[in-house]
C-alpha atoms as a PDB file:
ATOM      1  CA  MET A   1       4.383 -16.738  -4.650  1.00  0.00           C
ATOM      2  CA  ASN A   2       4.150 -20.458  -3.954  1.00  0.00           C
ATOM      3  CA  LYS A   3       1.176 -21.880  -5.597  1.00  0.00           C
ATOM      4  CA  THR A   4      -1.141 -21.943  -2.408  1.00  0.00           C
ATOM      5  CA  ASN A   5      -0.793 -17.945  -1.748  1.00  0.00           C
ATOM      6  CA  LYS A   6      -1.212 -17.453  -5.536  1.00  0.00           C
ATOM      7  CA  ALA A   7      -4.359 -20.133  -5.406  1.00  0.00           C
ATOM      8  CA  THR A   8      -5.735 -18.170  -2.622  1.00  0.00           C
ATOM      9  CA  LEU A   9      -5.727 -14.620  -4.354  1.00  0.00           C
ATOM     10  CA  ASN A  10      -7.106 -16.196  -7.754  1.00  0.00           C
ATOM     11  CA  GLU A  11      -9.861 -17.702  -5.790  1.00  0.00           C
ATOM     12  CA  LEU A  12     -10.696 -14.609  -3.783  1.00  0.00           C
ATOM     13  CA  TRP A  13     -10.766 -12.816  -7.244  1.00  0.00           C
ATOM     14  CA  LYS A  14     -12.859 -15.075  -8.813  1.00  0.00           C
ATOM     15  CA  ALA A  15     -15.128 -14.609  -6.025  1.00  0.00           C
ATOM     16  CA  LYS A  16     -15.269 -10.664  -6.490  1.00  0.00           C
ATOM     17  CA  GLN A  17     -15.848 -11.541  -9.889  1.00  0.00           C
ATOM     18  CA  HIS A  18     -18.485 -13.636  -9.569  1.00  0.00           C
ATOM     19  CA  LYS A  19     -20.091 -11.042  -7.058  1.00  0.00           C
ATOM     20  CA  ASP A  20     -20.034  -8.100  -8.778  1.00  0.00           C
ATOM     21  CA  ASN A  21     -21.114 -10.133 -12.309  1.00  0.00           C
ATOM     22  CA  PRO A  22     -23.656 -12.878 -10.841  1.00  0.00           C
ATOM     23  CA  SER A  23     -25.328 -13.240 -14.320  1.00  0.00           C
ATOM     24  CA  PHE A  24     -22.053 -13.660 -16.111  1.00  0.00           C
ATOM     25  CA  PRO A  25     -20.804 -17.798 -16.349  1.00  0.00           C
ATOM     26  CA  ILE A  26     -17.751 -18.893 -13.638  1.00  0.00           C
ATOM     27  CA  LYS A  27     -15.989 -20.764 -16.068  1.00  0.00           C
ATOM     28  CA  TYR A  28     -15.435 -17.647 -18.190  1.00  0.00           C
ATOM     29  CA  LEU A  29     -14.484 -15.929 -15.260  1.00  0.00           C
ATOM     30  CA  THR A  30     -10.610 -14.795 -15.857  1.00  0.00           C
ATOM     31  CA  ASP A  31      -7.516 -15.353 -13.510  1.00  0.00           C
ATOM     32  CA  TYR A  32      -6.203 -13.172 -11.229  1.00  0.00           C
ATOM     33  CA  LYS A  33      -3.132 -11.538 -13.635  1.00  0.00           C
ATOM     34  CA  ASN A  34      -0.972  -9.855 -10.839  1.00  0.00           C
ATOM     35  CA  THR A  35       2.220 -11.041  -9.600  1.00  0.00           C
ATOM     36  CA  ASP A  36       4.991  -9.983  -7.013  1.00  0.00           C
ATOM     37  CA  ASN A  37       7.409  -9.984  -8.979  1.00  0.00           C
ATOM     38  CA  SER A  38       8.115  -5.612  -8.786  1.00  0.00           C
ATOM     39  CA  THR A  39       7.041  -3.364  -6.069  1.00  0.00           C
ATOM     40  CA  ASN A  40       4.006  -2.285  -7.930  1.00  0.00           C
ATOM     41  CA  GLY A  41       2.711  -6.365  -8.315  1.00  0.00           C
ATOM     42  CA  LEU A  42       3.333  -6.923  -4.713  1.00  0.00           C
ATOM     43  CA  THR A  43       1.411  -3.261  -3.019  1.00  0.00           C
ATOM     44  CA  LYS A  44      -1.576  -4.526  -5.617  1.00  0.00           C
ATOM     45  CA  CYS A  45      -1.650  -8.069  -4.522  1.00  0.00           C
ATOM     46  CA  VAL A  46      -1.639  -7.070  -0.745  1.00  0.00           C
ATOM     47  CA  VAL A  47      -3.792  -4.499  -1.563  1.00  0.00           C
ATOM     48  CA  ASP A  48      -6.291  -6.982  -3.380  1.00  0.00           C
ATOM     49  CA  PHE A  49      -5.599  -9.768  -0.911  1.00  0.00           C
ATOM     50  CA  LEU A  50      -6.997  -7.520   1.825  1.00  0.00           C
ATOM     51  CA  ASN A  51      -9.818  -5.689  -0.139  1.00  0.00           C
ATOM     52  CA  TYR A  52     -11.298  -9.213  -1.367  1.00  0.00           C
ATOM     53  CA  SER A  53     -10.780 -10.718   2.275  1.00  0.00           C
ATOM     54  CA  GLY A  54     -13.395  -8.461   3.607  1.00  0.00           C
ATOM     55  CA  HIS A  55     -10.782  -5.987   5.285  1.00  0.00           C
ATOM     56  CA  PHE A  56      -9.746  -2.526   3.981  1.00  0.00           C
ATOM     57  CA  ALA A  57      -6.741  -1.577   2.319  1.00  0.00           C
ATOM     58  CA  GLU A  58      -5.588   1.600   0.459  1.00  0.00           C
ATOM     59  CA  ARG A  59      -2.302   2.406  -1.340  1.00  0.00           C
ATOM     60  CA  ILE A  60      -0.660   5.929  -0.134  1.00  0.00           C
ATOM     61  CA  ASN A  61       0.830   7.998  -2.328  1.00  0.00           C
ATOM     62  CA  ASN A  62       2.977  10.268  -0.877  1.00  0.00           C
ATOM     63  CA  THR A  63       4.392  12.466  -3.936  1.00  0.00           C
ATOM     64  CA  GLY A  64       4.718  15.680  -5.035  1.00  0.00           C
ATOM     65  CA  ARG A  65       2.852  17.070  -7.915  1.00  0.00           C
ATOM     66  CA  PHE A  66       4.118  19.370 -11.181  1.00  0.00           C
ATOM     67  CA  ILE A  67       2.892  22.401 -11.611  1.00  0.00           C
ATOM     68  CA  VAL A  68       2.715  23.269 -15.196  1.00  0.00           C
ATOM     69  CA  GLY A  69       4.609  26.560 -15.652  1.00  0.00           C
ATOM     70  CA  THR A  70       2.416  30.103 -16.612  1.00  0.00           C
ATOM     71  CA  ARG A  71       1.171  30.137 -20.354  1.00  0.00           C
ATOM     72  CA  ILE A  72       1.929  33.761 -21.900  1.00  0.00           C
ATOM     73  CA  ASP A  73       0.610  35.146 -25.025  1.00  0.00           C
ATOM     74  CA  GLU A  74       2.382  37.972 -26.218  1.00  0.00           C
ATOM     75  CA  GLY A  75       1.112  39.009 -29.560  1.00  0.00           C
ATOM     76  CA  HIS A  76       1.853  35.999 -31.984  1.00  0.00           C
ATOM     77  CA  ALA A  77       4.721  34.092 -29.974  1.00  0.00           C
ATOM     78  CA  LYS A  78       3.362  31.911 -26.797  1.00  0.00           C
ATOM     79  CA  PHE A  79       5.372  31.315 -24.070  1.00  0.00           C
ATOM     80  CA  GLN A  80       5.067  29.201 -21.303  1.00  0.00           C
ATOM     81  CA  THR A  81       7.689  29.450 -17.973  1.00  0.00           C
ATOM     82  CA  GLN A  82       9.340  26.160 -16.321  1.00  0.00           C
ATOM     83  CA  GLY A  83       7.022  24.047 -14.418  1.00  0.00           C
ATOM     84  CA  LYS A  84       7.913  22.850 -10.817  1.00  0.00           C
ATOM     85  CA  TRP A  85       7.579  20.267  -8.281  1.00  0.00           C
ATOM     86  CA  ILE A  86       5.861  20.850  -5.024  1.00  0.00           C
ATOM     87  CA  LYS A  87       5.840  18.776  -2.219  1.00  0.00           C
ATOM     88  CA  GLY A  88       3.129  16.218  -1.451  1.00  0.00           C
ATOM     89  CA  THR A  89       0.944  17.074   1.835  1.00  0.00           C
ATOM     90  CA  GLY A  90       1.217  13.553   3.398  1.00  0.00           C
ATOM     91  CA  VAL A  91       3.681  12.610   6.278  1.00  0.00           C
ATOM     92  CA  ASN A  92       7.358  12.170   4.773  1.00  0.00           C
ATOM     93  CA  GLY A  93       8.223   8.191   5.606  1.00  0.00           C
ATOM     94  CA  ARG A  94       4.730   7.238   5.503  1.00  0.00           C
ATOM     95  CA  ALA A  95       3.789   3.328   4.614  1.00  0.00           C
ATOM     96  CA  ASP A  96       2.712   2.333   1.175  1.00  0.00           C
ATOM     97  CA  ILE A  97      -0.652   0.730   2.311  1.00  0.00           C
ATOM     98  CA  SER A  98      -2.630   1.886   5.056  1.00  0.00           C
ATOM     99  CA  ALA A  99      -5.004  -1.439   6.117  1.00  0.00           C
ATOM    100  CA  LYS A 100      -7.641  -2.000   8.707  1.00  0.00           C
ATOM    101  CA  ILE A 101      -7.548  -6.087   9.612  1.00  0.00           C
ATOM    102  CA  LYS A 102     -11.017  -7.248  10.862  1.00  0.00           C
ATOM    103  CA  LEU A 103     -10.140  -9.640  13.542  1.00  0.00           C
ATOM    104  CA  PRO A 104     -12.292 -12.074  15.184  1.00  0.00           C
ATOM    105  CA  GLN A 105     -12.370 -11.661  18.679  1.00  0.00           C
ATOM    106  CA  HIS A 106     -12.285  -7.753  18.378  1.00  0.00           C
ATOM    107  CA  GLN A 107     -14.972  -5.714  18.088  1.00  0.00           C
ATOM    108  CA  PHE A 108     -13.396  -2.722  15.571  1.00  0.00           C
ATOM    109  CA  ALA A 109     -10.616  -3.844  13.282  1.00  0.00           C
ATOM    110  CA  ILE A 110      -7.155  -3.203  13.971  1.00  0.00           C
ATOM    111  CA  PRO A 111      -4.939  -0.135  11.827  1.00  0.00           C
ATOM    112  CA  VAL A 112      -2.272  -1.626  10.080  1.00  0.00           C
ATOM    113  CA  GLU A 113       0.684   0.195   7.933  1.00  0.00           C
ATOM    114  CA  ILE A 114       2.327  -1.776   5.296  1.00  0.00           C
ATOM    115  CA  GLU A 115       5.476  -0.863   4.139  1.00  0.00           C
ATOM    116  CA  ILE A 116       5.939  -2.846   0.796  1.00  0.00           C
ATOM    117  CA  LYS A 117      10.255  -3.275  -0.241  1.00  0.00           C
ATOM    118  CA  TYR A 118      10.581  -5.384  -3.221  1.00  0.00           C
ATOM    119  CA  ALA A 119      14.122  -6.904  -4.169  1.00  0.00           C
ATOM    120  CA  LYS A 120      17.198  -4.586  -2.786  1.00  0.00           C
ATOM    121  CA  ASP A 121      15.351  -1.615  -1.887  1.00  0.00           C
ATOM    122  CA  ARG A 122      15.740  -0.680   1.690  1.00  0.00           C
ATOM    123  CA  MET A 123      13.922   2.143   4.215  1.00  0.00           C
ATOM    124  CA  SER A 124      14.958   5.493   3.987  1.00  0.00           C
ATOM    125  CA  ASP A 125      15.714   7.083   7.154  1.00  0.00           C
ATOM    126  CA  ALA A 126      12.529   9.417   7.127  1.00  0.00           C
ATOM    127  CA  GLN A 127      10.801   5.487   6.598  1.00  0.00           C
ATOM    128  CA  ARG A 128      12.611   4.128   9.507  1.00  0.00           C
ATOM    129  CA  GLU A 129      11.652   7.246  11.797  1.00  0.00           C
ATOM    130  CA  TYR A 130       7.866   6.575  10.664  1.00  0.00           C
ATOM    131  CA  GLN A 131       8.065   3.256  11.739  1.00  0.00           C
ATOM    132  CA  SER A 132       9.928   4.253  14.961  1.00  0.00           C
ATOM    133  CA  ALA A 133       7.092   6.576  15.389  1.00  0.00           C
ATOM    134  CA  MET A 134       4.561   3.874  15.192  1.00  0.00           C
ATOM    135  CA  PHE A 135       6.249   1.221  17.471  1.00  0.00           C
ATOM    136  CA  ASP A 136       6.003   4.417  20.053  1.00  0.00           C
ATOM    137  CA  VAL A 137       2.438   4.382  19.886  1.00  0.00           C
ATOM    138  CA  GLY A 138       1.491   0.820  19.857  1.00  0.00           C
ATOM    139  CA  ALA A 139       0.651   0.351  16.291  1.00  0.00           C
ATOM    140  CA  VAL A 140       1.310  -2.670  13.741  1.00  0.00           C
ATOM    141  CA  TYR A 141       3.911  -1.876  11.295  1.00  0.00           C
ATOM    142  CA  ILE A 142       4.881  -4.622   9.122  1.00  0.00           C
ATOM    143  CA  VAL A 143       7.764  -4.619   6.169  1.00  0.00           C
ATOM    144  CA  VAL A 144       6.693  -6.592   3.389  1.00  0.00           C
ATOM    145  CA  ARG A 145       9.108  -8.162   0.555  1.00  0.00           C
ATOM    146  CA  ASP A 146       6.891 -10.714  -0.822  1.00  0.00           C
ATOM    147  CA  PHE A 147       3.619 -12.319  -1.116  1.00  0.00           C
ATOM    148  CA  ASP A 148       4.205 -15.369   0.841  1.00  0.00           C
ATOM    149  CA  MET A 149       6.178 -12.893   3.587  1.00  0.00           C
ATOM    150  CA  PHE A 150       2.904 -10.977   3.976  1.00  0.00           C
ATOM    151  CA  MET A 151       0.584 -14.395   3.685  1.00  0.00           C
ATOM    152  CA  GLU A 152       2.388 -15.843   6.585  1.00  0.00           C
ATOM    153  CA  TRP A 153       2.099 -12.641   8.854  1.00  0.00           C
ATOM    154  CA  TYR A 154      -1.498 -12.339   7.785  1.00  0.00           C
ATOM    155  CA  ASN A 155      -2.190 -16.129   8.942  1.00  0.00           C
ATOM    156  CA  ASP A 156      -0.097 -15.893  12.233  1.00  0.00           C
ATOM    157  CA  PHE A 157      -1.580 -12.155  13.140  1.00  0.00           C
ATOM    158  CA  THR A 158      -5.351 -13.444  12.257  1.00  0.00           C
ATOM    159  CA  THR A 159      -4.366 -16.737  14.224  1.00  0.00           C
ATOM    160  CA  HIS A 160      -2.748 -14.850  16.962  1.00  0.00           C
ATOM    161  CA  PRO A 161      -2.947 -11.119  16.997  1.00  0.00           C
ATOM    162  CA  GLN A 162      -0.582  -8.868  19.283  1.00  0.00           C
END
C-alpha cells in the first residue's frame, strides 16, 4: 500500500473515530492498523475505505455451515453422531464485497461487485460465470489484487463513471 493511499485510509479512520467519540482528544486517536498484505486484510481495507468515505460496502460470505451431530444419551454413556457441512444459501461465485458507491452526478448509488484476489489467487469457474453474468446485465464488477489497484480504480470511477 503506497504512503498516499495508506494516509488517506488513516485520515478516514481517524475522522470516524473522532465522530464516534467526539470528546476523546484527537492527539490520542490510534492509527489505522490493517494492511493489504493478505486476502482478509485487503478485503477489510476496501470495505473500511468505502464505508468511511460515505458509501456502503459489506463483505459477502457464502461459505456453508457445519451442523453438529445429534447427541444421544443411553444411560451412562453419551454419544454424539458425526456432524456434516451443509451448502451455503448464496450464489456460487458471488463477489467478496457488495458495495453501493454514491457519485455526485447520479441521483442513486451505483452497485459495484468487488472480487478480492490476493497474490497468486485465481478466479474459480463459478466466479468467472458470476462475473460474466454481471457484465451481461451491465453491472460494475472489478477484481482487486491490492489496495493501490483499488484506489486507482476508485479515483477513476468516481471522476469518470462508466
